Amino acid sequence: AAFTGTVAGGLADRLVRSGRTTRLAVRRGMHAVSTLGCAAAVLPLAAAPGGSLPPLAATACLVAAVGCYGFSFGGFHAYVQDVAAADAGQLLGLTNTASILGGIAGNLATGAVLQATGGYGVVFWVAVVLYGTSWVSFQRLLKGEPISLTGLIILSSR
């Protein structure tokens, strides 16, 4: 993710500077690689009957998923700076907090699913669906319009 994040950031910057496409199109493209790439990478893990994927292939899938995740730094994370420059730190703090809470719930759910099914297949299917949902949400809901957190009670300095 560190390597691909660096590559994605540089590529995104070059695309934006070229002027051939909008910032929003670049951010959406990077986010698409991040989410759809991760979904494609874990799909073999979800589809393998009874976890029958050889260990090296399973490891390659996970490495590919983490590598694709690196593109989020040229997508979602950069998008926040594009639309909420003055409040980017606070907004990223809020989104990171939400993702941590989701991660905690995900660990609990993974344990419950593993205990109920005896395997990780369902867990990987859920991951594929969540990646797809993230992609659809980003494409449909985020329009590149400025965001300001000024005046929100929870972020007020008073």
C-alpha atoms as a PDB file:
ATOM      1  CA  ALA A   1       0.000   0.000   0.000  1.00  0.00           C
ATOM      2  CA  ALA A   2       2.886   2.378   0.740  1.00  0.00           C
ATOM      3  CA  PHE A   3       4.386   1.751  -2.695  1.00  0.00           C
ATOM      4  CA  THR A   4       1.121   1.897  -4.628  1.00  0.00           C
ATOM      5  CA  GLY A   5      -0.034   4.911  -2.618  1.00  0.00           C
ATOM      6  CA  THR A   6       3.093   6.776  -3.660  1.00  0.00           C
ATOM      7  CA  VAL A   7       2.639   5.742  -7.293  1.00  0.00           C
ATOM      8  CA  ALA A   8      -1.082   6.603  -7.224  1.00  0.00           C
ATOM      9  CA  GLY A   9      -0.434  10.008  -5.660  1.00  0.00           C
ATOM     10  CA  GLY A  10       2.170  10.871  -8.271  1.00  0.00           C
ATOM     11  CA  LEU A  11      -0.049   9.655 -11.097  1.00  0.00           C
ATOM     12  CA  ALA A  12      -3.047  11.574  -9.753  1.00  0.00           C
ATOM     13  CA  ASP A  13      -0.979  14.758  -9.466  1.00  0.00           C
ATOM     14  CA  ARG A  14       0.276  14.368 -13.045  1.00  0.00           C
ATOM     15  CA  LEU A  15      -3.255  13.790 -14.343  1.00  0.00           C
ATOM     16  CA  VAL A  16      -4.597  16.858 -12.525  1.00  0.00           C
ATOM     17  CA  ARG A  17      -1.685  19.036 -13.706  1.00  0.00           C
ATOM     18  CA  SER A  18      -2.136  17.902 -17.305  1.00  0.00           C
ATOM     19  CA  GLY A  19      -5.502  19.639 -17.425  1.00  0.00           C
ATOM     20  CA  ARG A  20      -6.921  16.880 -19.640  1.00  0.00           C
ATOM     21  CA  THR A  21      -9.360  15.769 -16.962  1.00  0.00           C
ATOM     22  CA  THR A  22     -11.050  17.212 -13.907  1.00  0.00           C
ATOM     23  CA  ARG A  23      -9.879  16.666 -10.350  1.00  0.00           C
ATOM     24  CA  LEU A  24     -13.136  14.870  -9.637  1.00  0.00           C
ATOM     25  CA  ALA A  25     -12.596  12.458 -12.537  1.00  0.00           C
ATOM     26  CA  VAL A  26      -9.076  11.715 -11.285  1.00  0.00           C
ATOM     27  CA  ARG A  27     -10.310  11.151  -7.723  1.00  0.00           C
ATOM     28  CA  ARG A  28     -13.111   8.900  -8.967  1.00  0.00           C
ATOM     29  CA  GLY A  29     -10.688   6.904 -11.086  1.00  0.00           C
ATOM     30  CA  MET A  30      -8.272   6.399  -8.218  1.00  0.00           C
ATOM     31  CA  HIS A  31     -11.115   5.443  -5.910  1.00  0.00           C
ATOM     32  CA  ALA A  32     -12.379   2.970  -8.517  1.00  0.00           C
ATOM     33  CA  VAL A  33      -8.977   1.243  -8.634  1.00  0.00           C
ATOM     34  CA  SER A  34      -8.944   1.192  -4.843  1.00  0.00           C
ATOM     35  CA  THR A  35     -12.409  -0.267  -4.334  1.00  0.00           C
ATOM     36  CA  LEU A  36     -12.982  -2.353  -7.450  1.00  0.00           C
ATOM     37  CA  GLY A  37      -9.377  -3.564  -7.438  1.00  0.00           C
ATOM     38  CA  CYS A  38      -9.733  -4.716  -3.830  1.00  0.00           C
ATOM     39  CA  ALA A  39     -13.047  -6.406  -4.672  1.00  0.00           C
ATOM     40  CA  ALA A  40     -11.496  -8.216  -7.636  1.00  0.00           C
ATOM     41  CA  ALA A  41      -8.510  -9.261  -5.528  1.00  0.00           C
ATOM     42  CA  VAL A  42     -10.594 -10.874  -2.787  1.00  0.00           C
ATOM     43  CA  LEU A  43     -13.144 -12.398  -5.161  1.00  0.00           C
ATOM     44  CA  PRO A  44     -11.087 -15.593  -5.655  1.00  0.00           C
ATOM     45  CA  LEU A  45     -10.942 -15.954  -1.867  1.00  0.00           C
ATOM     46  CA  ALA A  46     -14.714 -15.624  -1.658  1.00  0.00           C
ATOM     47  CA  ALA A  47     -15.385 -17.976  -4.564  1.00  0.00           C
ATOM     48  CA  ALA A  48     -12.940 -20.738  -3.601  1.00  0.00           C
ATOM     49  CA  PRO A  49     -15.043 -23.648  -2.348  1.00  0.00           C
ATOM     50  CA  GLY A  50     -14.140 -24.471   1.231  1.00  0.00           C
ATOM     51  CA  GLY A  51     -11.090 -22.222   1.203  1.00  0.00           C
ATOM     52  CA  SER A  52      -9.427 -24.436  -1.395  1.00  0.00           C
ATOM     53  CA  LEU A  53      -7.159 -21.732  -2.789  1.00  0.00           C
ATOM     54  CA  PRO A  54      -3.483 -22.693  -2.435  1.00  0.00           C
ATOM     55  CA  PRO A  55      -1.678 -20.644   0.244  1.00  0.00           C
ATOM     56  CA  LEU A  56       0.543 -18.819  -2.269  1.00  0.00           C
ATOM     57  CA  ALA A  57      -2.471 -17.837  -4.392  1.00  0.00           C
ATOM     58  CA  ALA A  58      -4.392 -16.688  -1.296  1.00  0.00           C
ATOM     59  CA  THR A  59      -1.413 -14.613  -0.200  1.00  0.00           C
ATOM     60  CA  ALA A  60      -1.147 -13.084  -3.681  1.00  0.00           C
ATOM     61  CA  CYS A  61      -4.828 -12.118  -3.507  1.00  0.00           C
ATOM     62  CA  LEU A  62      -4.356 -10.386  -0.165  1.00  0.00           C
ATOM     63  CA  VAL A  63      -1.206  -8.597  -1.320  1.00  0.00           C
ATOM     64  CA  ALA A  64      -3.044  -7.410  -4.445  1.00  0.00           C
ATOM     65  CA  ALA A  65      -5.938  -6.141  -2.312  1.00  0.00           C
ATOM     66  CA  VAL A  66      -3.607  -4.167  -0.043  1.00  0.00           C
ATOM     67  CA  GLY A  67      -1.788  -2.837  -3.102  1.00  0.00           C
ATOM     68  CA  CYS A  68      -5.044  -1.645  -4.647  1.00  0.00           C
ATOM     69  CA  TYR A  69      -5.966   0.003  -1.365  1.00  0.00           C
ATOM     70  CA  GLY A  70      -2.979   2.329  -1.845  1.00  0.00           C
ATOM     71  CA  PHE A  71      -4.893   4.057  -4.641  1.00  0.00           C
ATOM     72  CA  SER A  72      -7.288   5.463  -2.031  1.00  0.00           C
ATOM     73  CA  PHE A  73      -4.620   8.062  -1.249  1.00  0.00           C
ATOM     74  CA  GLY A  74      -5.041   9.501  -4.755  1.00  0.00           C
ATOM     75  CA  GLY A  75      -8.818   9.067  -4.509  1.00  0.00           C
ATOM     76  CA  PHE A  76     -10.781   9.533  -1.313  1.00  0.00           C
ATOM     77  CA  HIS A  77      -8.049  11.073   0.837  1.00  0.00           C
ATOM     78  CA  ALA A  78      -7.078  13.602  -1.833  1.00  0.00           C
ATOM     79  CA  TYR A  79     -10.759  14.299  -2.538  1.00  0.00           C
ATOM     80  CA  VAL A  80     -11.227  15.438   1.058  1.00  0.00           C
ATOM     81  CA  GLN A  81      -8.394  17.931   0.643  1.00  0.00           C
ATOM     82  CA  ASP A  82      -9.895  19.115  -2.654  1.00  0.00           C
ATOM     83  CA  VAL A  83     -13.346  19.863  -1.226  1.00  0.00           C
ATOM     84  CA  ALA A  84     -12.594  20.740   2.402  1.00  0.00           C
ATOM     85  CA  ALA A  85      -9.114  22.237   2.398  1.00  0.00           C
ATOM     86  CA  ALA A  86      -9.626  24.300   5.556  1.00  0.00           C
ATOM     87  CA  ASP A  87     -11.313  21.432   7.399  1.00  0.00           C
ATOM     88  CA  ALA A  88      -9.525  18.453   5.816  1.00  0.00           C
ATOM     89  CA  GLY A  89      -7.802  17.407   9.041  1.00  0.00           C
ATOM     90  CA  GLN A  90     -11.040  17.390  11.002  1.00  0.00           C
ATOM     91  CA  LEU A  91     -12.986  15.663   8.236  1.00  0.00           C
ATOM     92  CA  LEU A  92     -10.343  12.971   7.825  1.00  0.00           C
ATOM     93  CA  GLY A  93     -10.328  12.554  11.592  1.00  0.00           C
ATOM     94  CA  LEU A  94     -14.080  11.966  11.531  1.00  0.00           C
ATOM     95  CA  THR A  95     -13.920   9.533   8.611  1.00  0.00           C
ATOM     96  CA  ASN A  96     -10.974   7.675  10.149  1.00  0.00           C
ATOM     97  CA  THR A  97     -12.859   7.391  13.441  1.00  0.00           C
ATOM     98  CA  ALA A  98     -15.871   5.981  11.590  1.00  0.00           C
ATOM     99  CA  SER A  99     -13.625   3.481   9.802  1.00  0.00           C
ATOM    100  CA  ILE A 100     -12.072   2.372  13.101  1.00  0.00           C
ATOM    101  CA  LEU A 101     -15.520   1.773  14.562  1.00  0.00           C
ATOM    102  CA  GLY A 102     -16.424  -0.165  11.414  1.00  0.00           C
ATOM    103  CA  GLY A 103     -13.218  -2.156  11.775  1.00  0.00           C
ATOM    104  CA  ILE A 104     -14.063  -3.091  15.351  1.00  0.00           C
ATOM    105  CA  ALA A 105     -17.558  -4.186  14.315  1.00  0.00           C
ATOM    106  CA  GLY A 106     -16.027  -6.040  11.360  1.00  0.00           C
ATOM    107  CA  ASN A 107     -13.721  -8.026  13.618  1.00  0.00           C
ATOM    108  CA  LEU A 108     -16.635  -9.036  15.819  1.00  0.00           C
ATOM    109  CA  ALA A 109     -18.762  -9.954  12.793  1.00  0.00           C
ATOM    110  CA  THR A 110     -15.896 -11.927  11.249  1.00  0.00           C
ATOM    111  CA  GLY A 111     -15.569 -13.972  14.421  1.00  0.00           C
ATOM    112  CA  ALA A 112     -19.301 -14.648  14.508  1.00  0.00           C
ATOM    113  CA  VAL A 113     -19.415 -15.633  10.826  1.00  0.00           C
ATOM    114  CA  LEU A 114     -16.342 -17.829  11.172  1.00  0.00           C
ATOM    115  CA  GLN A 115     -17.826 -19.563  14.187  1.00  0.00           C
ATOM    116  CA  ALA A 116     -21.172 -20.068  12.421  1.00  0.00           C
ATOM    117  CA  THR A 117     -19.818 -21.223   9.043  1.00  0.00           C
ATOM    118  CA  GLY A 118     -16.383 -22.635   9.827  1.00  0.00           C
ATOM    119  CA  GLY A 119     -14.766 -20.664   6.996  1.00  0.00           C
ATOM    120  CA  TYR A 120     -13.975 -17.235   5.619  1.00  0.00           C
ATOM    121  CA  GLY A 121     -15.923 -17.463   2.343  1.00  0.00           C
ATOM    122  CA  VAL A 122     -18.880 -15.415   3.574  1.00  0.00           C
ATOM    123  CA  VAL A 123     -16.521 -12.852   5.101  1.00  0.00           C
ATOM    124  CA  PHE A 124     -14.837 -12.313   1.735  1.00  0.00           C
ATOM    125  CA  TRP A 125     -18.213 -12.079  -0.032  1.00  0.00           C
ATOM    126  CA  VAL A 126     -19.230  -9.362   2.413  1.00  0.00           C
ATOM    127  CA  ALA A 127     -15.954  -7.554   1.677  1.00  0.00           C
ATOM    128  CA  VAL A 128     -16.650  -7.720  -2.077  1.00  0.00           C
ATOM    129  CA  VAL A 129     -20.129  -6.237  -1.520  1.00  0.00           C
ATOM    130  CA  LEU A 130     -18.783  -3.495   0.758  1.00  0.00           C
ATOM    131  CA  TYR A 131     -16.104  -2.525  -1.774  1.00  0.00           C
ATOM    132  CA  GLY A 132     -18.739  -2.351  -4.491  1.00  0.00           C
ATOM    133  CA  THR A 133     -21.027  -0.271  -2.284  1.00  0.00           C
ATOM    134  CA  SER A 134     -18.169   2.132  -1.545  1.00  0.00           C
ATOM    135  CA  TRP A 135     -17.506   2.559  -5.259  1.00  0.00           C
ATOM    136  CA  VAL A 136     -21.170   3.204  -6.088  1.00  0.00           C
ATOM    137  CA  SER A 137     -21.505   5.654  -3.186  1.00  0.00           C
ATOM    138  CA  PHE A 138     -18.401   7.615  -4.179  1.00  0.00           C
ATOM    139  CA  GLN A 139     -19.477   7.789  -7.827  1.00  0.00           C
ATOM    140  CA  ARG A 140     -23.048   8.859  -7.103  1.00  0.00           C
ATOM    141  CA  LEU A 141     -22.851  10.975  -3.968  1.00  0.00           C
ATOM    142  CA  LEU A 142     -19.565  12.876  -4.071  1.00  0.00           C
ATOM    143  CA  LYS A 143     -19.802  15.693  -6.591  1.00  0.00           C
ATOM    144  CA  GLY A 144     -16.686  17.752  -5.857  1.00  0.00           C
ATOM    145  CA  GLU A 145     -18.624  20.547  -4.151  1.00  0.00           C
ATOM    146  CA  PRO A 146     -16.912  22.442  -1.308  1.00  0.00           C
ATOM    147  CA  ILE A 147     -17.539  21.194   2.229  1.00  0.00           C
ATOM    148  CA  SER A 148     -17.181  23.284   5.373  1.00  0.00           C
ATOM    149  CA  LEU A 149     -17.385  21.952   8.901  1.00  0.00           C
ATOM    150  CA  THR A 150     -17.403  25.435  10.417  1.00  0.00           C
ATOM    151  CA  GLY A 151     -20.270  25.875  12.814  1.00  0.00           C
ATOM    152  CA  LEU A 152     -20.876  22.236  13.602  1.00  0.00           C
ATOM    153  CA  ILE A 153     -21.394  21.910  17.350  1.00  0.00           C
ATOM    154  CA  ILE A 154     -19.145  18.867  17.737  1.00  0.00           C
ATOM    155  CA  LEU A 155     -16.251  20.674  16.102  1.00  0.00           C
ATOM    156  CA  SER A 156     -16.797  24.080  17.603  1.00  0.00           C
ATOM    157  CA  SER A 157     -13.916  25.538  19.577  1.00  0.00           C
ATOM    158  CA  ARG A 158     -16.316  27.127  22.061  1.00  0.00           C
END
